[in-house]
């Protein structure tokens, strides 16, 4: 999938269960995840540049891999990477 935002093209890659995520969330787009939605496209902003996701119970996640992110917090609501 390719998304055009203000003249810039982003190619969304799919995150596999063991995908290592970027260390910072400054790209303002997300890899395609199987659960949750990209916070950037839903007008959400992370608390800082290292936040990976916001969980469904409002807990913040700083996980380095997509697998298991927010697993004890009812799943991911918004991804930032």
PDB file of N, CA and C in Angstrom:
ATOM      1  N   UNK A   1       0.849  -1.175   0.000  1.00  0.00           N
ATOM      2  CA  UNK A   1       0.000   0.000   0.000  1.00  0.00           C
ATOM      3  C   UNK A   1       0.891   1.233   0.000  1.00  0.00           C
ATOM      4  N   UNK A   2       0.558   2.217  -0.797  1.00  0.00           N
ATOM      5  CA  UNK A   2       1.317   3.460  -0.866  1.00  0.00           C
ATOM      6  C   UNK A   2       0.390   4.613  -0.526  1.00  0.00           C
ATOM      7  N   UNK A   3       0.859   5.510   0.338  1.00  0.00           N
ATOM      8  CA  UNK A   3       0.058   6.638   0.784  1.00  0.00           C
ATOM      9  C   UNK A   3       0.780   7.924   0.401  1.00  0.00           C
ATOM     10  N   UNK A   4       0.065   8.874  -0.166  1.00  0.00           N
ATOM     11  CA  UNK A   4       0.657  10.163  -0.517  1.00  0.00           C
ATOM     12  C   UNK A   4       0.182  11.213   0.472  1.00  0.00           C
ATOM     13  N   UNK A   5       1.116  11.846   1.151  1.00  0.00           N
ATOM     14  CA  UNK A   5       0.800  12.913   2.085  1.00  0.00           C
ATOM     15  C   UNK A   5       1.607  14.138   1.683  1.00  0.00           C
ATOM     16  N   UNK A   6       0.939  15.201   1.350  1.00  0.00           N
ATOM     17  CA  UNK A   6       1.552  16.454   0.917  1.00  0.00           C
ATOM     18  C   UNK A   6       2.740  16.243  -0.014  1.00  0.00           C
ATOM     19  N   UNK A   7       2.519  15.449  -1.051  1.00  0.00           N
ATOM     20  CA  UNK A   7       3.532  15.263  -2.070  1.00  0.00           C
ATOM     21  C   UNK A   7       4.620  14.254  -1.752  1.00  0.00           C
ATOM     22  N   UNK A   8       4.559  13.610  -0.575  1.00  0.00           N
ATOM     23  CA  UNK A   8       5.565  12.621  -0.196  1.00  0.00           C
ATOM     24  C   UNK A   8       4.919  11.253  -0.220  1.00  0.00           C
ATOM     25  N   UNK A   9       5.572  10.283  -0.817  1.00  0.00           N
ATOM     26  CA  UNK A   9       5.033   8.928  -0.875  1.00  0.00           C
ATOM     27  C   UNK A   9       5.630   8.071   0.219  1.00  0.00           C
ATOM     28  N   UNK A  10       4.771   7.326   0.911  1.00  0.00           N
ATOM     29  CA  UNK A  10       5.205   6.371   1.913  1.00  0.00           C
ATOM     30  C   UNK A  10       4.719   5.008   1.492  1.00  0.00           C
ATOM     31  N   UNK A  11       5.542   4.044   1.549  1.00  0.00           N
ATOM     32  CA  UNK A  11       5.148   2.677   1.249  1.00  0.00           C
ATOM     33  C   UNK A  11       5.003   1.943   2.573  1.00  0.00           C
ATOM     34  N   UNK A  12       3.812   1.501   2.895  1.00  0.00           N
ATOM     35  CA  UNK A  12       3.555   0.837   4.174  1.00  0.00           C
ATOM     36  C   UNK A  12       3.986  -0.614   4.105  1.00  0.00           C
ATOM     37  N   UNK A  13       4.903  -0.972   4.986  1.00  0.00           N
ATOM     38  CA  UNK A  13       5.308  -2.362   5.061  1.00  0.00           C
ATOM     39  C   UNK A  13       4.491  -3.048   6.135  1.00  0.00           C
ATOM     40  N   UNK A  14       4.349  -4.338   6.046  1.00  0.00           N
ATOM     41  CA  UNK A  14       3.571  -5.084   7.019  1.00  0.00           C
ATOM     42  C   UNK A  14       4.475  -5.553   8.141  1.00  0.00           C
ATOM     43  N   UNK A  15       4.034  -5.362   9.375  1.00  0.00           N
ATOM     44  CA  UNK A  15       4.803  -5.800  10.534  1.00  0.00           C
ATOM     45  C   UNK A  15       4.495  -7.260  10.812  1.00  0.00           C
ATOM     46  N   UNK A  16       5.510  -8.075  10.820  1.00  0.00           N
ATOM     47  CA  UNK A  16       5.297  -9.475  11.187  1.00  0.00           C
ATOM     48  C   UNK A  16       5.342  -9.566  12.704  1.00  0.00           C
ATOM     49  N   UNK A  17       5.061 -10.730  13.241  1.00  0.00           N
ATOM     50  CA  UNK A  17       4.985 -10.907  14.685  1.00  0.00           C
ATOM     51  C   UNK A  17       6.284 -10.525  15.387  1.00  0.00           C
ATOM     52  N   UNK A  18       7.421 -10.695  14.750  1.00  0.00           N
ATOM     53  CA  UNK A  18       8.693 -10.399  15.402  1.00  0.00           C
ATOM     54  C   UNK A  18       9.389  -9.184  14.805  1.00  0.00           C
ATOM     55  N   UNK A  19       8.647  -8.288  14.180  1.00  0.00           N
ATOM     56  CA  UNK A  19       9.237  -7.115  13.547  1.00  0.00           C
ATOM     57  C   UNK A  19       9.883  -6.213  14.584  1.00  0.00           C
ATOM     58  N   UNK A  20      11.125  -5.849  14.333  1.00  0.00           N
ATOM     59  CA  UNK A  20      11.811  -4.877  15.165  1.00  0.00           C
ATOM     60  C   UNK A  20      11.359  -3.502  14.694  1.00  0.00           C
ATOM     61  N   UNK A  21      10.874  -2.699  15.598  1.00  0.00           N
ATOM     62  CA  UNK A  21      10.331  -1.393  15.246  1.00  0.00           C
ATOM     63  C   UNK A  21      11.415  -0.325  15.347  1.00  0.00           C
ATOM     64  N   UNK A  22      11.247   0.811  14.665  1.00  0.00           N
ATOM     65  CA  UNK A  22      12.236   1.889  14.762  1.00  0.00           C
ATOM     66  C   UNK A  22      12.370   2.367  16.208  1.00  0.00           C
ATOM     67  N   UNK A  23      13.523   2.903  16.579  1.00  0.00           N
ATOM     68  CA  UNK A  23      13.712   3.360  17.954  1.00  0.00           C
ATOM     69  C   UNK A  23      12.923   4.631  18.256  1.00  0.00           C
ATOM     70  N   UNK A  24      12.691   5.473  17.240  1.00  0.00           N
ATOM     71  CA  UNK A  24      11.921   6.709  17.437  1.00  0.00           C
ATOM     72  C   UNK A  24      10.707   6.719  16.519  1.00  0.00           C
ATOM     73  N   UNK A  25       9.696   7.495  16.894  1.00  0.00           N
ATOM     74  CA  UNK A  25       8.452   7.562  16.124  1.00  0.00           C
ATOM     75  C   UNK A  25       8.337   8.876  15.352  1.00  0.00           C
ATOM     76  N   UNK A  26       9.428   9.403  14.873  1.00  0.00           N
ATOM     77  CA  UNK A  26       9.426  10.716  14.228  1.00  0.00           C
ATOM     78  C   UNK A  26       9.044  10.695  12.753  1.00  0.00           C
ATOM     79  N   UNK A  27       8.797   9.525  12.174  1.00  0.00           N
ATOM     80  CA  UNK A  27       8.442   9.435  10.755  1.00  0.00           C
ATOM     81  C   UNK A  27       6.998   9.848  10.474  1.00  0.00           C
ATOM     82  N   UNK A  28       6.153   9.907  11.502  1.00  0.00           N
ATOM     83  CA  UNK A  28       4.745  10.294  11.387  1.00  0.00           C
ATOM     84  C   UNK A  28       3.943   9.364  10.485  1.00  0.00           C
ATOM     85  N   UNK A  29       4.336   8.102  10.412  1.00  0.00           N
ATOM     86  CA  UNK A  29       3.547   7.064   9.757  1.00  0.00           C
ATOM     87  C   UNK A  29       3.892   5.735  10.419  1.00  0.00           C
ATOM     88  N   UNK A  30       3.096   4.737  10.191  1.00  0.00           N
ATOM     89  CA  UNK A  30       3.255   3.441  10.853  1.00  0.00           C
ATOM     90  C   UNK A  30       3.435   2.329   9.834  1.00  0.00           C
ATOM     91  N   UNK A  31       4.114   1.259  10.249  1.00  0.00           N
ATOM     92  CA  UNK A  31       4.082   0.043   9.447  1.00  0.00           C
ATOM     93  C   UNK A  31       2.681  -0.530   9.620  1.00  0.00           C
ATOM     94  N   UNK A  32       2.248  -1.370   8.705  1.00  0.00           N
ATOM     95  CA  UNK A  32       0.894  -1.931   8.784  1.00  0.00           C
ATOM     96  C   UNK A  32       0.870  -3.034   9.834  1.00  0.00           C
ATOM     97  N   UNK A  33       0.029  -2.878  10.833  1.00  0.00           N
ATOM     98  CA  UNK A  33      -0.121  -3.856  11.906  1.00  0.00           C
ATOM     99  C   UNK A  33      -1.443  -4.601  11.735  1.00  0.00           C
ATOM    100  N   UNK A  34      -1.541  -5.784  12.336  1.00  0.00           N
ATOM    101  CA  UNK A  34      -2.769  -6.576  12.216  1.00  0.00           C
ATOM    102  C   UNK A  34      -3.824  -6.166  13.230  1.00  0.00           C
ATOM    103  N   UNK A  35      -3.437  -5.465  14.288  1.00  0.00           N
ATOM    104  CA  UNK A  35      -4.393  -4.980  15.284  1.00  0.00           C
ATOM    105  C   UNK A  35      -4.136  -3.502  15.535  1.00  0.00           C
ATOM    106  N   UNK A  36      -5.130  -2.807  16.033  1.00  0.00           N
ATOM    107  CA  UNK A  36      -4.977  -1.390  16.301  1.00  0.00           C
ATOM    108  C   UNK A  36      -4.903  -0.583  15.013  1.00  0.00           C
ATOM    109  N   UNK A  37      -4.824   0.724  15.156  1.00  0.00           N
ATOM    110  CA  UNK A  37      -4.743   1.624  14.006  1.00  0.00           C
ATOM    111  C   UNK A  37      -3.567   2.576  14.201  1.00  0.00           C
ATOM    112  N   UNK A  38      -3.127   3.192  13.128  1.00  0.00           N
ATOM    113  CA  UNK A  38      -2.028   4.149  13.200  1.00  0.00           C
ATOM    114  C   UNK A  38      -2.535   5.440  13.850  1.00  0.00           C
ATOM    115  N   UNK A  39      -1.939   5.809  14.953  1.00  0.00           N
ATOM    116  CA  UNK A  39      -2.354   7.015  15.664  1.00  0.00           C
ATOM    117  C   UNK A  39      -2.193   8.280  14.846  1.00  0.00           C
ATOM    118  N   UNK A  40      -1.163   8.334  14.002  1.00  0.00           N
ATOM    119  CA  UNK A  40      -0.915   9.527  13.189  1.00  0.00           C
ATOM    120  C   UNK A  40      -2.084   9.816  12.257  1.00  0.00           C
ATOM    121  N   UNK A  41      -2.711   8.784  11.702  1.00  0.00           N
ATOM    122  CA  UNK A  41      -3.824   9.001  10.779  1.00  0.00           C
ATOM    123  C   UNK A  41      -5.146   9.216  11.507  1.00  0.00           C
ATOM    124  N   UNK A  42      -5.140   9.081  12.834  1.00  0.00           N
ATOM    125  CA  UNK A  42      -6.346   9.299  13.634  1.00  0.00           C
ATOM    126  C   UNK A  42      -6.172  10.495  14.580  1.00  0.00           C
ATOM    127  N   UNK A  43      -5.303  11.433  14.184  1.00  0.00           N
ATOM    128  CA  UNK A  43      -5.086  12.690  14.911  1.00  0.00           C
ATOM    129  C   UNK A  43      -4.659  12.481  16.357  1.00  0.00           C
ATOM    130  N   UNK A  44      -3.879  11.430  16.610  1.00  0.00           N
ATOM    131  CA  UNK A  44      -3.324  11.159  17.932  1.00  0.00           C
ATOM    132  C   UNK A  44      -1.835  11.463  17.899  1.00  0.00           C
ATOM    133  N   UNK A  45      -1.289  11.917  19.009  1.00  0.00           N
ATOM    134  CA  UNK A  45       0.143  12.191  19.085  1.00  0.00           C
ATOM    135  C   UNK A  45       0.723  11.422  20.268  1.00  0.00           C
ATOM    136  N   UNK A  46       1.923  10.872  20.086  1.00  0.00           N
ATOM    137  CA  UNK A  46       2.563  10.169  21.196  1.00  0.00           C
ATOM    138  C   UNK A  46       3.045  11.166  22.250  1.00  0.00           C
ATOM    139  N   UNK A  47       3.239  10.675  23.459  1.00  0.00           N
ATOM    140  CA  UNK A  47       3.712  11.537  24.542  1.00  0.00           C
ATOM    141  C   UNK A  47       5.147  12.007  24.278  1.00  0.00           C
ATOM    142  N   UNK A  48       5.988  11.119  23.724  1.00  0.00           N
ATOM    143  CA  UNK A  48       7.367  11.481  23.397  1.00  0.00           C
ATOM    144  C   UNK A  48       7.817  10.704  22.159  1.00  0.00           C
ATOM    145  N   UNK A  49       9.040  10.918  21.725  1.00  0.00           N
ATOM    146  CA  UNK A  49       9.514  10.314  20.479  1.00  0.00           C
ATOM    147  C   UNK A  49       9.838   8.836  20.584  1.00  0.00           C
ATOM    148  N   UNK A  50       9.751   8.252  21.772  1.00  0.00           N
ATOM    149  CA  UNK A  50      10.070   6.833  21.938  1.00  0.00           C
ATOM    150  C   UNK A  50       8.839   5.952  22.125  1.00  0.00           C
ATOM    151  N   UNK A  51       7.669   6.535  22.282  1.00  0.00           N
ATOM    152  CA  UNK A  51       6.445   5.751  22.508  1.00  0.00           C
ATOM    153  C   UNK A  51       6.105   4.929  21.266  1.00  0.00           C
ATOM    154  N   UNK A  52       5.891   3.636  21.471  1.00  0.00           N
ATOM    155  CA  UNK A  52       5.554   2.723  20.381  1.00  0.00           C
ATOM    156  C   UNK A  52       4.057   2.682  20.135  1.00  0.00           C
ATOM    157  N   UNK A  53       3.276   2.612  21.223  1.00  0.00           N
ATOM    158  CA  UNK A  53       1.828   2.445  21.085  1.00  0.00           C
ATOM    159  C   UNK A  53       1.107   2.940  22.329  1.00  0.00           C
ATOM    160  N   UNK A  54      -0.184   3.193  22.161  1.00  0.00           N
ATOM    161  CA  UNK A  54      -1.068   3.479  23.289  1.00  0.00           C
ATOM    162  C   UNK A  54      -2.024   2.303  23.380  1.00  0.00           C
ATOM    163  N   UNK A  55      -2.099   1.693  24.560  1.00  0.00           N
ATOM    164  CA  UNK A  55      -2.927   0.507  24.761  1.00  0.00           C
ATOM    165  C   UNK A  55      -4.393   0.889  24.956  1.00  0.00           C
ATOM    166  N   UNK A  56      -5.267  -0.098  24.854  1.00  0.00           N
ATOM    167  CA  UNK A  56      -6.707   0.144  24.995  1.00  0.00           C
ATOM    168  C   UNK A  56      -7.095   0.613  26.386  1.00  0.00           C
ATOM    169  N   UNK A  57      -6.256   0.327  27.406  1.00  0.00           N
ATOM    170  CA  UNK A  57      -6.550   0.810  28.757  1.00  0.00           C
ATOM    171  C   UNK A  57      -5.801   2.113  29.062  1.00  0.00           C
ATOM    172  N   UNK A  58      -5.288   2.782  28.033  1.00  0.00           N
ATOM    173  CA  UNK A  58      -4.578   4.064  28.095  1.00  0.00           C
ATOM    174  C   UNK A  58      -3.139   3.946  28.587  1.00  0.00           C
ATOM    175  N   UNK A  59      -2.640   2.736  28.842  1.00  0.00           N
ATOM    176  CA  UNK A  59      -1.231   2.551  29.197  1.00  0.00           C
ATOM    177  C   UNK A  59      -0.375   2.849  27.967  1.00  0.00           C
ATOM    178  N   UNK A  60       0.841   3.310  28.196  1.00  0.00           N
ATOM    179  CA  UNK A  60       1.764   3.606  27.104  1.00  0.00           C
ATOM    180  C   UNK A  60       2.746   2.460  26.946  1.00  0.00           C
ATOM    181  N   UNK A  61       3.127   2.158  25.716  1.00  0.00           N
ATOM    182  CA  UNK A  61       4.071   1.080  25.445  1.00  0.00           C
ATOM    183  C   UNK A  61       5.305   1.626  24.744  1.00  0.00           C
ATOM    184  N   UNK A  62       6.457   1.130  25.186  1.00  0.00           N
ATOM    185  CA  UNK A  62       7.735   1.499  24.589  1.00  0.00           C
ATOM    186  C   UNK A  62       8.440   0.255  24.059  1.00  0.00           C
ATOM    187  N   UNK A  63       7.678  -0.736  23.633  1.00  0.00           N
ATOM    188  CA  UNK A  63       8.246  -2.010  23.194  1.00  0.00           C
ATOM    189  C   UNK A  63       9.090  -1.845  21.936  1.00  0.00           C
ATOM    190  N   UNK A  64      10.101  -2.711  21.799  1.00  0.00           N
ATOM    191  CA  UNK A  64      11.004  -2.664  20.645  1.00  0.00           C
ATOM    192  C   UNK A  64      10.513  -3.547  19.511  1.00  0.00           C
ATOM    193  N   UNK A  65       9.598  -4.460  19.803  1.00  0.00           N
ATOM    194  CA  UNK A  65       9.049  -5.380  18.801  1.00  0.00           C
ATOM    195  C   UNK A  65       7.530  -5.299  18.853  1.00  0.00           C
ATOM    196  N   UNK A  66       6.887  -5.546  17.741  1.00  0.00           N
ATOM    197  CA  UNK A  66       5.427  -5.449  17.698  1.00  0.00           C
ATOM    198  C   UNK A  66       4.744  -6.606  18.420  1.00  0.00           C
ATOM    199  N   UNK A  67       5.381  -7.774  18.461  1.00  0.00           N
ATOM    200  CA  UNK A  67       4.768  -8.946  19.094  1.00  0.00           C
ATOM    201  C   UNK A  67       4.621  -8.723  20.599  1.00  0.00           C
ATOM    202  N   UNK A  68       3.421  -8.906  21.098  1.00  0.00           N
ATOM    203  CA  UNK A  68       3.162  -8.798  22.524  1.00  0.00           C
ATOM    204  C   UNK A  68       2.939  -7.393  23.040  1.00  0.00           C
ATOM    205  N   UNK A  69       3.008  -6.399  22.175  1.00  0.00           N
ATOM    206  CA  UNK A  69       2.787  -5.022  22.616  1.00  0.00           C
ATOM    207  C   UNK A  69       1.384  -4.890  23.194  1.00  0.00           C
ATOM    208  N   UNK A  70       1.280  -4.379  24.394  1.00  0.00           N
ATOM    209  CA  UNK A  70       0.009  -4.162  25.115  1.00  0.00           C
ATOM    210  C   UNK A  70      -0.733  -5.464  25.429  1.00  0.00           C
ATOM    211  N   UNK A  71      -0.038  -6.586  25.455  1.00  0.00           N
ATOM    212  CA  UNK A  71      -0.721  -7.870  25.663  1.00  0.00           C
ATOM    213  C   UNK A  71      -1.401  -7.974  27.026  1.00  0.00           C
ATOM    214  N   UNK A  72      -0.913  -7.280  28.027  1.00  0.00           N
ATOM    215  CA  UNK A  72      -1.554  -7.305  29.347  1.00  0.00           C
ATOM    216  C   UNK A  72      -2.396  -6.050  29.587  1.00  0.00           C
ATOM    217  N   UNK A  73      -2.691  -5.336  28.522  1.00  0.00           N
ATOM    218  CA  UNK A  73      -3.463  -4.088  28.614  1.00  0.00           C
ATOM    219  C   UNK A  73      -4.597  -4.065  27.597  1.00  0.00           C
ATOM    220  N   UNK A  74      -5.142  -5.223  27.272  1.00  0.00           N
ATOM    221  CA  UNK A  74      -6.300  -5.379  26.382  1.00  0.00           C
ATOM    222  C   UNK A  74      -5.999  -5.070  24.914  1.00  0.00           C
ATOM    223  N   UNK A  75      -4.724  -5.035  24.524  1.00  0.00           N
ATOM    224  CA  UNK A  75      -4.360  -4.822  23.129  1.00  0.00           C
ATOM    225  C   UNK A  75      -4.010  -3.383  22.802  1.00  0.00           C
ATOM    226  N   UNK A  76      -3.616  -3.169  21.552  1.00  0.00           N
ATOM    227  CA  UNK A  76      -3.181  -1.849  21.079  1.00  0.00           C
ATOM    228  C   UNK A  76      -4.365  -1.062  20.532  1.00  0.00           C
ATOM    229  N   UNK A  77      -4.481   0.186  20.948  1.00  0.00           N
ATOM    230  CA  UNK A  77      -5.478   1.095  20.368  1.00  0.00           C
ATOM    231  C   UNK A  77      -4.823   1.898  19.242  1.00  0.00           C
ATOM    232  N   UNK A  78      -3.662   2.517  19.499  1.00  0.00           N
ATOM    233  CA  UNK A  78      -2.968   3.327  18.498  1.00  0.00           C
ATOM    234  C   UNK A  78      -1.491   2.947  18.425  1.00  0.00           C
ATOM    235  N   UNK A  79      -0.998   2.777  17.210  1.00  0.00           N
ATOM    236  CA  UNK A  79       0.427   2.567  16.958  1.00  0.00           C
ATOM    237  C   UNK A  79       1.048   3.899  16.577  1.00  0.00           C
ATOM    238  N   UNK A  80       2.307   4.113  16.933  1.00  0.00           N
ATOM    239  CA  UNK A  80       3.034   5.314  16.521  1.00  0.00           C
ATOM    240  C   UNK A  80       4.295   4.983  15.733  1.00  0.00           C
ATOM    241  N   UNK A  81       4.531   3.696  15.499  1.00  0.00           N
ATOM    242  CA  UNK A  81       5.694   3.257  14.707  1.00  0.00           C
ATOM    243  C   UNK A  81       5.240   2.250  13.695  1.00  0.00           C
TER     244      UNK A  81
END
